Protein backbone atom coordinates (compact mmCIF):
# COMPACT_ATOMS: atom_id res chain seq x y z
CA MET A 1 0.11 -0.03 -0.15
CA ALA A 2 1.40 3.35 -1.10
CA ILE A 3 0.05 6.72 1.04
CA PHE A 4 0.84 9.66 -0.88
CA THR A 5 0.40 13.32 0.45
CA GLY A 6 1.48 16.28 -1.52
CA LYS A 7 1.45 20.22 -1.10
CA GLY A 8 0.75 22.15 -4.07
CA PHE A 9 -0.89 19.14 -6.02
CA THR A 10 -4.07 20.88 -6.71
CA LYS A 11 -7.65 19.54 -7.79
CA GLU A 12 -6.99 20.91 -11.16
CA MET A 13 -3.65 19.03 -11.51
CA TYR A 14 -5.35 15.85 -10.12
CA GLU A 15 -8.07 16.06 -12.87
CA ARG A 16 -5.75 16.75 -15.41
CA LEU A 17 -3.43 13.76 -14.47
CA TRP A 18 -6.62 11.56 -14.46
CA GLN A 19 -7.83 12.77 -17.61
CA GLU A 20 -4.18 12.17 -19.68
CA VAL A 21 -3.27 8.80 -17.71
CA ARG A 22 -6.58 7.25 -18.02
CA TRP A 23 -6.16 4.60 -15.72
CA GLU A 24 -9.87 3.93 -15.33
CA THR A 25 -10.09 3.00 -18.87
CA GLU A 26 -6.71 2.14 -19.55
CA PRO A 27 -5.53 0.24 -16.42
CA ILE A 28 -2.15 0.32 -15.16
CA ASP A 29 -0.71 -3.67 -14.70
CA GLY A 30 -0.67 -4.12 -10.73
CA TRP A 31 -2.60 -1.35 -9.85
CA LEU A 32 -5.64 -2.68 -7.80
CA MET A 33 -7.38 0.21 -5.97
CA HIS A 34 -7.08 4.00 -6.20
CA ASP A 35 -8.36 6.42 -3.32
CA ALA A 36 -7.94 10.17 -3.60
CA PHE A 37 -9.11 13.07 -1.40
CA PHE A 38 -8.09 16.82 -0.36
CA ASP A 39 -7.78 17.76 3.27
CA TYR A 40 -9.15 20.69 5.06
CA SER A 41 -5.87 22.64 3.91
CA GLY A 42 -6.27 21.75 0.06
CA ASP A 43 -3.35 19.01 0.22
CA ILE A 44 -4.01 15.87 -1.87
CA ARG A 45 -4.15 12.40 -0.10
CA MET A 46 -4.03 9.13 -1.85
CA THR A 47 -4.03 5.63 -0.99
CA ASN A 48 -3.11 3.31 -3.70
CA ILE A 49 -3.12 -0.57 -3.37
CA TRP A 50 -0.53 -2.33 -5.87
CA GLY A 51 -0.17 -6.06 -6.42
CA SER A 52 3.42 -5.63 -5.54
CA THR A 53 5.95 -3.26 -4.94
CA GLU A 54 7.60 -3.82 -8.18
CA LYS A 55 4.74 -3.32 -10.08
CA MET A 56 4.05 -0.11 -8.25
CA GLU A 57 7.61 1.00 -9.16
CA VAL A 58 7.21 0.08 -12.91
CA GLY A 59 3.47 1.71 -13.30
CA PHE A 60 4.44 4.91 -11.22
CA VAL A 61 7.60 5.59 -13.22
CA SER A 62 6.31 4.36 -16.74
CA ARG A 63 2.60 5.81 -16.65
CA LEU A 64 2.22 8.39 -13.76
CA MET A 65 5.59 10.29 -13.42
CA PRO A 66 5.90 11.50 -17.02
CA VAL A 67 2.42 13.16 -16.91
CA MET A 68 2.91 14.41 -13.49
CA ARG A 69 6.52 16.08 -14.84
CA LYS A 70 4.60 17.49 -17.79
CA ILE A 71 1.88 18.94 -15.72
CA GLY A 72 4.09 20.51 -12.99
CA ILE A 73 3.11 18.16 -10.30
CA PRO A 74 5.36 18.48 -7.37
CA PRO A 75 6.35 15.00 -6.21
CA PRO A 76 4.47 13.84 -3.33
CA GLN A 77 5.42 12.24 -0.13
CA ALA A 78 5.38 8.46 0.07
CA GLU A 79 4.82 5.83 2.67
CA ILE A 80 4.94 2.50 1.58
CA TYR A 81 3.46 -0.53 3.89
CA PRO A 82 2.40 -4.05 3.44
CA VAL A 83 -1.11 -4.61 3.38
CA ARG A 84 -2.45 -6.54 6.32
CA ASN A 85 -6.03 -7.22 5.01
CA MET A 86 -8.01 -5.31 2.45
CA ASN A 87 -11.93 -5.89 1.58
CA VAL A 88 -13.77 -4.38 -1.61
CA PHE A 89 -17.45 -4.27 -0.87
CA ALA A 90 -18.99 -3.58 -4.18
CA THR A 91 -23.01 -3.47 -4.65
CA THR A 92 -25.22 -1.81 -7.03
CA ASP A 93 -27.46 -0.42 -4.17
CA ARG A 94 -25.01 1.91 -2.16
CA ARG A 95 -25.50 5.50 -2.42
CA PRO A 96 -23.58 8.51 -1.32
CA PRO A 97 -24.73 9.36 2.51
CA ASP A 98 -25.58 13.07 1.19
CA SER A 99 -27.80 13.07 -2.16
CA SER A 100 -26.50 16.56 -2.63
CA GLN A 101 -23.04 15.35 -3.66
CA SER A 102 -21.68 16.50 -6.99
CA SER A 103 -21.09 12.84 -8.34
CA SER A 104 -23.06 9.87 -8.42
CA ILE A 105 -22.62 6.41 -7.82
CA LYS A 106 -24.23 3.62 -10.34
CA SER A 107 -23.39 0.14 -10.24
CA GLY A 108 -20.24 0.94 -8.20
CA TYR A 109 -18.98 3.41 -10.62
CA ARG A 110 -18.72 7.10 -9.88
CA GLU A 111 -19.28 9.33 -12.49
CA ARG A 112 -16.72 12.04 -12.85
CA LYS A 113 -17.47 15.86 -13.25
CA PRO A 114 -14.90 17.92 -14.20
CA VAL A 115 -13.37 20.50 -11.71
CA THR A 116 -14.81 24.12 -12.23
């Protein structure tokens, strides 16, 4: 598991990275799970689960870093830990607790809306 935190890594940069790397439609080998959010100070925090440290290194260097450099994303701080347990709960009947959220969940897929 890799936990990344980054100062100066904006929402706009994240959206552009997502659009250019297209990891949801062109999966990176060995990347199993991705979670990203911005804390109250505006810094990004991401948790990624990879099949192995080697796959993480290859995927990060080959697909993510070139686009991060192109966009000007500052390198995030990384903490790497072995996963003890991981559960994925995928159902089609889950909805966000707050229906006023800007994203929607359908069949486990969150439709993305661009940052404005």
